[in-house]
Amino acid sequence: MSIEGQDNFKEEYAPVIGVSLSRKLGDAAALYVVPLWASNLNTADIAGQDDHALVLGLGARVRIGPNRFISGEWSPRVSGYSVGDNEFGFAYEIAVGGHLFQINVTNSFGTTFAQTARGGLQENLKLGFNLSRKFF
């Protein structure tokens, strides 16, 4: 469960309910399914659009070397609000020590569930970089 809001959490609240399901396939791969329901997505009051959406996030990560991976995700909206394209992205990852370096391409700037439910940018790809640290 989550909730986000605009203007320092003072307006346009968007609650989300979802669950993350994953399945590891040995050391070679992992699969992810993230069904979620998000509300209050139509903040621009676009006529004829629903205010909520049901989204089915799908993802996978595959090991291609001892410390190298490729990953991808796609988040199609099953029903409801559908202004932007379905969000998708893919990445190349390198693990070094406790760090993971990732270079990715996606059609969305979204980092939250509500932003993902609103969808990606039409005919527009973005190049990004992430660095994460695993603490033992």
N, C-alpha and C. Protein backbone atom coordinates (compact mmCIF):
# COMPACT_ATOMS: atom_id res chain seq x y z
N MET A 1 0.85 -1.17 0.00
CA MET A 1 0.00 0.00 0.00
C MET A 1 0.89 1.23 0.00
N SER A 2 0.45 2.25 -0.71
CA SER A 2 1.18 3.51 -0.70
C SER A 2 0.21 4.65 -0.98
N ILE A 3 0.67 5.84 -0.72
CA ILE A 3 -0.07 7.04 -1.08
C ILE A 3 0.96 8.11 -1.39
N GLU A 4 0.70 8.85 -2.44
CA GLU A 4 1.59 9.97 -2.77
C GLU A 4 0.73 11.20 -2.99
N GLY A 5 1.34 12.36 -2.85
CA GLY A 5 0.62 13.61 -3.02
C GLY A 5 1.51 14.66 -3.64
N GLN A 6 0.88 15.61 -4.28
CA GLN A 6 1.60 16.71 -4.91
C GLN A 6 1.74 17.88 -3.93
N ASP A 7 2.56 18.86 -4.29
CA ASP A 7 2.75 20.08 -3.50
C ASP A 7 3.06 19.76 -2.03
N ASN A 8 4.16 19.02 -1.83
CA ASN A 8 4.59 18.63 -0.48
C ASN A 8 3.49 17.87 0.26
N PHE A 9 2.85 16.98 -0.45
CA PHE A 9 1.83 16.10 0.11
C PHE A 9 0.63 16.88 0.65
N LYS A 10 0.22 17.94 -0.07
CA LYS A 10 -0.93 18.75 0.34
C LYS A 10 -2.14 18.59 -0.57
N GLU A 11 -1.95 18.02 -1.78
CA GLU A 11 -3.07 17.91 -2.72
C GLU A 11 -2.86 16.74 -3.68
N GLU A 12 -3.91 16.41 -4.40
CA GLU A 12 -3.90 15.37 -5.44
C GLU A 12 -3.30 14.05 -4.93
N TYR A 13 -3.87 13.54 -3.85
CA TYR A 13 -3.40 12.29 -3.27
C TYR A 13 -3.73 11.13 -4.21
N ALA A 14 -2.82 10.19 -4.33
CA ALA A 14 -3.01 9.02 -5.19
C ALA A 14 -2.71 7.75 -4.40
N PRO A 15 -3.75 7.10 -3.85
CA PRO A 15 -3.52 5.85 -3.12
C PRO A 15 -3.33 4.67 -4.09
N VAL A 16 -2.51 3.71 -3.67
CA VAL A 16 -2.23 2.53 -4.49
C VAL A 16 -2.23 1.30 -3.59
N ILE A 17 -2.84 0.23 -4.09
CA ILE A 17 -2.81 -1.07 -3.42
C ILE A 17 -2.27 -2.07 -4.42
N GLY A 18 -1.27 -2.83 -4.01
CA GLY A 18 -0.69 -3.83 -4.91
C GLY A 18 0.08 -4.88 -4.14
N VAL A 19 0.58 -5.83 -4.87
CA VAL A 19 1.38 -6.89 -4.27
C VAL A 19 2.51 -7.25 -5.25
N SER A 20 3.69 -7.51 -4.71
CA SER A 20 4.84 -7.91 -5.53
C SER A 20 5.06 -9.41 -5.36
N LEU A 21 5.00 -10.13 -6.46
CA LEU A 21 5.23 -11.57 -6.46
C LEU A 21 6.47 -11.85 -7.29
N SER A 22 7.34 -12.72 -6.80
CA SER A 22 8.56 -13.03 -7.53
C SER A 22 8.85 -14.51 -7.48
N ARG A 23 9.59 -14.96 -8.46
CA ARG A 23 10.01 -16.35 -8.52
C ARG A 23 11.44 -16.39 -9.03
N LYS A 24 12.33 -16.92 -8.22
CA LYS A 24 13.73 -17.06 -8.60
C LYS A 24 13.91 -18.39 -9.31
N LEU A 25 14.59 -18.39 -10.44
CA LEU A 25 14.86 -19.59 -11.20
C LEU A 25 16.34 -19.94 -11.06
N GLY A 26 16.66 -20.57 -9.94
CA GLY A 26 18.06 -20.88 -9.62
C GLY A 26 18.87 -19.60 -9.52
N ASP A 27 20.09 -19.64 -10.03
CA ASP A 27 20.93 -18.44 -10.07
C ASP A 27 20.87 -17.76 -11.43
N ALA A 28 20.03 -18.26 -12.33
CA ALA A 28 20.02 -17.77 -13.71
C ALA A 28 19.05 -16.64 -13.96
N ALA A 29 17.92 -16.62 -13.28
CA ALA A 29 16.90 -15.63 -13.62
C ALA A 29 15.92 -15.42 -12.46
N ALA A 30 15.16 -14.37 -12.57
CA ALA A 30 14.07 -14.08 -11.64
C ALA A 30 12.92 -13.46 -12.43
N LEU A 31 11.70 -13.81 -12.07
CA LEU A 31 10.50 -13.28 -12.72
C LEU A 31 9.68 -12.52 -11.68
N TYR A 32 9.01 -11.46 -12.12
CA TYR A 32 8.24 -10.62 -11.22
C TYR A 32 6.87 -10.32 -11.82
N VAL A 33 5.85 -10.33 -10.98
CA VAL A 33 4.49 -9.93 -11.35
C VAL A 33 4.02 -8.98 -10.25
N VAL A 34 3.54 -7.80 -10.65
CA VAL A 34 3.11 -6.79 -9.67
C VAL A 34 1.75 -6.24 -10.09
N PRO A 35 0.65 -6.92 -9.71
CA PRO A 35 -0.67 -6.34 -9.98
C PRO A 35 -0.94 -5.22 -8.98
N LEU A 36 -1.48 -4.11 -9.47
CA LEU A 36 -1.80 -3.00 -8.56
C LEU A 36 -3.00 -2.21 -9.06
N TRP A 37 -3.66 -1.58 -8.11
CA TRP A 37 -4.78 -0.68 -8.38
C TRP A 37 -4.39 0.69 -7.85
N ALA A 38 -4.51 1.70 -8.71
CA ALA A 38 -4.17 3.08 -8.32
C ALA A 38 -5.38 3.98 -8.56
N SER A 39 -5.55 4.96 -7.69
CA SER A 39 -6.68 5.88 -7.78
C SER A 39 -6.21 7.33 -7.88
N ASN A 40 -7.12 8.21 -8.27
CA ASN A 40 -6.88 9.64 -8.41
C ASN A 40 -5.74 9.92 -9.39
N LEU A 41 -5.79 9.27 -10.55
CA LEU A 41 -4.76 9.44 -11.56
C LEU A 41 -5.06 10.57 -12.53
N ASN A 42 -6.33 10.89 -12.71
CA ASN A 42 -6.75 11.90 -13.68
C ASN A 42 -6.69 13.29 -13.07
N THR A 43 -5.51 13.73 -12.68
CA THR A 43 -5.36 15.02 -12.01
C THR A 43 -5.55 16.20 -12.95
N ALA A 44 -5.43 15.97 -14.25
CA ALA A 44 -5.64 17.04 -15.23
C ALA A 44 -7.10 17.13 -15.66
N ASP A 45 -7.96 16.31 -15.07
CA ASP A 45 -9.40 16.28 -15.38
C ASP A 45 -9.65 16.15 -16.88
N ILE A 46 -9.01 15.16 -17.49
CA ILE A 46 -9.20 14.89 -18.92
C ILE A 46 -10.56 14.25 -19.11
N ALA A 47 -11.38 14.85 -19.94
CA ALA A 47 -12.75 14.38 -20.16
C ALA A 47 -12.75 12.96 -20.71
N GLY A 48 -13.65 12.15 -20.18
CA GLY A 48 -13.80 10.78 -20.67
C GLY A 48 -12.80 9.79 -20.10
N GLN A 49 -11.92 10.23 -19.21
CA GLN A 49 -10.93 9.33 -18.62
C GLN A 49 -11.35 8.91 -17.22
N ASP A 50 -11.09 7.65 -16.91
CA ASP A 50 -11.33 7.15 -15.55
C ASP A 50 -10.36 7.82 -14.59
N ASP A 51 -10.67 7.70 -13.31
CA ASP A 51 -9.81 8.28 -12.28
C ASP A 51 -8.91 7.24 -11.63
N HIS A 52 -9.07 5.98 -12.03
CA HIS A 52 -8.28 4.91 -11.44
C HIS A 52 -7.84 3.95 -12.54
N ALA A 53 -6.91 3.05 -12.21
CA ALA A 53 -6.43 2.07 -13.19
C ALA A 53 -6.01 0.79 -12.49
N LEU A 54 -6.16 -0.30 -13.20
CA LEU A 54 -5.63 -1.58 -12.79
C LEU A 54 -4.44 -1.88 -13.71
N VAL A 55 -3.28 -2.10 -13.11
CA VAL A 55 -2.03 -2.29 -13.86
C VAL A 55 -1.44 -3.65 -13.51
N LEU A 56 -0.88 -4.32 -14.51
CA LEU A 56 -0.21 -5.59 -14.27
C LEU A 56 1.26 -5.44 -14.65
N GLY A 57 2.10 -5.16 -13.65
CA GLY A 57 3.54 -5.03 -13.90
C GLY A 57 4.19 -6.39 -14.10
N LEU A 58 5.00 -6.51 -15.14
CA LEU A 58 5.71 -7.75 -15.45
C LEU A 58 7.19 -7.44 -15.60
N GLY A 59 8.03 -8.28 -15.03
CA GLY A 59 9.47 -8.03 -15.12
C GLY A 59 10.27 -9.31 -15.09
N ALA A 60 11.52 -9.20 -15.54
CA ALA A 60 12.43 -10.34 -15.53
C ALA A 60 13.86 -9.82 -15.42
N ARG A 61 14.71 -10.66 -14.83
CA ARG A 61 16.14 -10.36 -14.72
C ARG A 61 16.88 -11.65 -15.03
N VAL A 62 17.85 -11.58 -15.95
CA VAL A 62 18.57 -12.77 -16.40
C VAL A 62 20.07 -12.55 -16.24
N ARG A 63 20.75 -13.53 -15.65
CA ARG A 63 22.21 -13.48 -15.49
C ARG A 63 22.84 -13.85 -16.83
N ILE A 64 23.75 -13.00 -17.31
CA ILE A 64 24.44 -13.28 -18.57
C ILE A 64 25.94 -13.47 -18.37
N GLY A 65 26.39 -13.38 -17.14
CA GLY A 65 27.79 -13.58 -16.78
C GLY A 65 27.90 -13.67 -15.28
N PRO A 66 29.10 -13.86 -14.75
CA PRO A 66 29.25 -14.02 -13.30
C PRO A 66 28.72 -12.83 -12.50
N ASN A 67 28.83 -11.63 -13.03
CA ASN A 67 28.34 -10.45 -12.31
C ASN A 67 27.62 -9.48 -13.24
N ARG A 68 27.04 -10.02 -14.31
CA ARG A 68 26.35 -9.18 -15.30
C ARG A 68 24.93 -9.70 -15.53
N PHE A 69 24.00 -8.75 -15.70
CA PHE A 69 22.60 -9.10 -15.85
C PHE A 69 21.94 -8.21 -16.90
N ILE A 70 20.85 -8.69 -17.47
CA ILE A 70 19.95 -7.84 -18.24
C ILE A 70 18.58 -7.95 -17.57
N SER A 71 17.86 -6.87 -17.56
CA SER A 71 16.54 -6.88 -16.95
C SER A 71 15.58 -6.07 -17.80
N GLY A 72 14.30 -6.36 -17.63
CA GLY A 72 13.28 -5.64 -18.36
C GLY A 72 11.99 -5.62 -17.59
N GLU A 73 11.17 -4.63 -17.89
CA GLU A 73 9.86 -4.53 -17.26
C GLU A 73 8.86 -3.93 -18.24
N TRP A 74 7.61 -4.29 -18.03
CA TRP A 74 6.51 -3.76 -18.84
C TRP A 74 5.31 -3.69 -17.92
N SER A 75 4.61 -2.56 -17.92
CA SER A 75 3.49 -2.36 -17.01
C SER A 75 2.23 -1.96 -17.78
N PRO A 76 1.58 -2.94 -18.43
CA PRO A 76 0.35 -2.61 -19.17
C PRO A 76 -0.81 -2.34 -18.22
N ARG A 77 -1.62 -1.37 -18.59
CA ARG A 77 -2.83 -1.09 -17.84
C ARG A 77 -3.92 -2.02 -18.34
N VAL A 78 -4.50 -2.77 -17.43
CA VAL A 78 -5.54 -3.74 -17.78
C VAL A 78 -6.87 -3.02 -17.99
N SER A 79 -7.13 -2.00 -17.18
CA SER A 79 -8.37 -1.23 -17.32
C SER A 79 -8.19 0.14 -16.66
N GLY A 80 -9.11 1.04 -16.99
CA GLY A 80 -9.12 2.36 -16.36
C GLY A 80 -8.32 3.40 -17.11
N TYR A 81 -7.79 4.35 -16.37
CA TYR A 81 -7.06 5.51 -16.89
C TYR A 81 -5.99 5.06 -17.88
N SER A 82 -5.97 5.67 -19.08
CA SER A 82 -5.01 5.23 -20.09
C SER A 82 -4.61 6.35 -21.04
N VAL A 83 -4.06 7.42 -20.51
CA VAL A 83 -3.65 8.55 -21.35
C VAL A 83 -2.29 8.29 -22.00
N GLY A 84 -1.28 7.96 -21.23
CA GLY A 84 0.06 7.71 -21.75
C GLY A 84 0.22 6.28 -22.25
N ASP A 85 1.36 5.99 -22.88
CA ASP A 85 1.67 4.64 -23.31
C ASP A 85 1.93 3.77 -22.07
N ASN A 86 1.81 2.46 -22.24
CA ASN A 86 2.19 1.55 -21.17
C ASN A 86 3.67 1.73 -20.88
N GLU A 87 4.03 1.78 -19.61
CA GLU A 87 5.43 1.99 -19.21
C GLU A 87 6.24 0.73 -19.50
N PHE A 88 7.48 0.91 -20.01
CA PHE A 88 8.39 -0.21 -20.19
C PHE A 88 9.83 0.27 -20.03
N GLY A 89 10.71 -0.65 -19.80
CA GLY A 89 12.13 -0.31 -19.67
C GLY A 89 12.98 -1.56 -19.72
N PHE A 90 14.24 -1.40 -20.03
CA PHE A 90 15.19 -2.50 -19.98
C PHE A 90 16.54 -1.95 -19.53
N ALA A 91 17.39 -2.85 -19.01
CA ALA A 91 18.63 -2.38 -18.40
C ALA A 91 19.74 -3.42 -18.53
N TYR A 92 20.96 -2.92 -18.45
CA TYR A 92 22.17 -3.74 -18.36
C TYR A 92 22.78 -3.43 -17.01
N GLU A 93 23.11 -4.47 -16.24
CA GLU A 93 23.57 -4.28 -14.87
C GLU A 93 24.91 -5.00 -14.64
N ILE A 94 25.75 -4.37 -13.83
CA ILE A 94 27.03 -4.97 -13.42
C ILE A 94 27.12 -4.88 -11.90
N ALA A 95 27.38 -6.02 -11.27
CA ALA A 95 27.56 -6.07 -9.81
C ALA A 95 29.05 -6.07 -9.50
N VAL A 96 29.47 -5.13 -8.65
CA VAL A 96 30.86 -5.02 -8.23
C VAL A 96 30.87 -4.89 -6.71
N GLY A 97 31.38 -5.92 -6.04
CA GLY A 97 31.35 -5.91 -4.58
C GLY A 97 29.90 -5.83 -4.11
N GLY A 98 29.60 -4.90 -3.26
CA GLY A 98 28.23 -4.70 -2.80
C GLY A 98 27.47 -3.68 -3.61
N HIS A 99 28.01 -3.25 -4.74
CA HIS A 99 27.37 -2.23 -5.58
C HIS A 99 26.77 -2.84 -6.83
N LEU A 100 25.70 -2.23 -7.32
CA LEU A 100 25.11 -2.61 -8.59
C LEU A 100 25.00 -1.35 -9.45
N PHE A 101 25.67 -1.39 -10.59
CA PHE A 101 25.63 -0.28 -11.56
C PHE A 101 24.66 -0.68 -12.66
N GLN A 102 23.74 0.21 -12.98
CA GLN A 102 22.73 -0.10 -13.99
C GLN A 102 22.61 1.05 -14.98
N ILE A 103 22.63 0.72 -16.27
CA ILE A 103 22.30 1.70 -17.30
C ILE A 103 20.99 1.22 -17.92
N ASN A 104 20.03 2.13 -18.04
CA ASN A 104 18.70 1.70 -18.47
C ASN A 104 18.11 2.63 -19.52
N VAL A 105 17.16 2.09 -20.24
CA VAL A 105 16.38 2.84 -21.23
C VAL A 105 14.92 2.59 -20.90
N THR A 106 14.15 3.66 -20.83
CA THR A 106 12.73 3.55 -20.48
C THR A 106 11.93 4.65 -21.17
N ASN A 107 10.63 4.49 -21.19
CA ASN A 107 9.76 5.52 -21.75
C ASN A 107 9.05 6.30 -20.65
N SER A 108 9.62 6.28 -19.44
CA SER A 108 8.96 6.93 -18.31
C SER A 108 9.98 7.51 -17.34
N PHE A 109 9.60 8.61 -16.71
CA PHE A 109 10.37 9.15 -15.60
C PHE A 109 9.85 8.62 -14.28
N GLY A 110 8.77 7.85 -14.30
CA GLY A 110 8.09 7.41 -13.10
C GLY A 110 8.95 6.58 -12.17
N THR A 111 8.85 6.87 -10.89
CA THR A 111 9.55 6.10 -9.86
C THR A 111 8.60 5.57 -8.80
N THR A 112 7.33 5.95 -8.87
CA THR A 112 6.35 5.48 -7.90
C THR A 112 5.27 4.68 -8.63
N PHE A 113 4.47 3.94 -7.87
CA PHE A 113 3.42 3.13 -8.49
C PHE A 113 2.39 3.99 -9.21
N ALA A 114 1.98 5.10 -8.64
CA ALA A 114 0.99 5.96 -9.30
C ALA A 114 1.56 6.55 -10.60
N GLN A 115 2.82 6.93 -10.59
CA GLN A 115 3.44 7.45 -11.82
C GLN A 115 3.51 6.36 -12.88
N THR A 116 3.81 5.14 -12.49
CA THR A 116 3.83 4.02 -13.43
C THR A 116 2.43 3.77 -13.99
N ALA A 117 1.41 3.86 -13.14
CA ALA A 117 0.03 3.65 -13.58
C ALA A 117 -0.42 4.72 -14.58
N ARG A 118 0.11 5.93 -14.45
CA ARG A 118 -0.24 7.00 -15.39
C ARG A 118 0.37 6.74 -16.77
N GLY A 119 1.41 5.96 -16.83
CA GLY A 119 1.97 5.55 -18.12
C GLY A 119 3.21 6.30 -18.51
N GLY A 120 3.78 5.84 -19.61
CA GLY A 120 5.02 6.41 -20.13
C GLY A 120 4.77 7.48 -21.17
N LEU A 121 5.86 8.00 -21.68
CA LEU A 121 5.81 9.06 -22.67
C LEU A 121 5.67 8.46 -24.07
N GLN A 122 4.84 9.05 -24.88
CA GLN A 122 4.62 8.53 -26.22
C GLN A 122 5.82 8.83 -27.12
N GLU A 123 6.32 7.79 -27.79
CA GLU A 123 7.42 7.91 -28.76
C GLU A 123 8.61 8.67 -28.19
N ASN A 124 8.98 8.37 -26.95
CA ASN A 124 10.04 9.11 -26.29
C ASN A 124 10.78 8.19 -25.32
N LEU A 125 12.05 7.91 -25.59
CA LEU A 125 12.85 7.06 -24.71
C LEU A 125 13.84 7.90 -23.93
N LYS A 126 14.11 7.47 -22.72
CA LYS A 126 15.04 8.16 -21.83
C LYS A 126 16.17 7.21 -21.44
N LEU A 127 17.39 7.73 -21.36
CA LEU A 127 18.55 6.97 -20.93
C LEU A 127 18.83 7.34 -19.48
N GLY A 128 19.03 6.33 -18.64
CA GLY A 128 19.25 6.60 -17.22
C GLY A 128 20.37 5.74 -16.64
N PHE A 129 20.74 6.07 -15.41
CA PHE A 129 21.78 5.35 -14.69
C PHE A 129 21.38 5.24 -13.23
N ASN A 130 21.53 4.07 -12.67
CA ASN A 130 21.25 3.84 -11.25
C ASN A 130 22.46 3.19 -10.59
N LEU A 131 22.68 3.53 -9.36
CA LEU A 131 23.71 2.92 -8.54
C LEU A 131 23.07 2.54 -7.22
N SER A 132 23.19 1.28 -6.84
CA SER A 132 22.62 0.84 -5.56
C SER A 132 23.69 0.10 -4.76
N ARG A 133 23.48 0.04 -3.47
CA ARG A 133 24.44 -0.59 -2.56
C ARG A 133 23.71 -1.58 -1.70
N LYS A 134 24.24 -2.78 -1.62
CA LYS A 134 23.66 -3.81 -0.75
C LYS A 134 24.44 -3.82 0.56
N PHE A 135 23.74 -3.60 1.66
CA PHE A 135 24.36 -3.66 2.97
C PHE A 135 24.09 -5.02 3.58
N PHE A 136 25.11 -5.69 4.04
CA PHE A 136 24.98 -7.05 4.56
C PHE A 136 24.70 -7.03 6.04
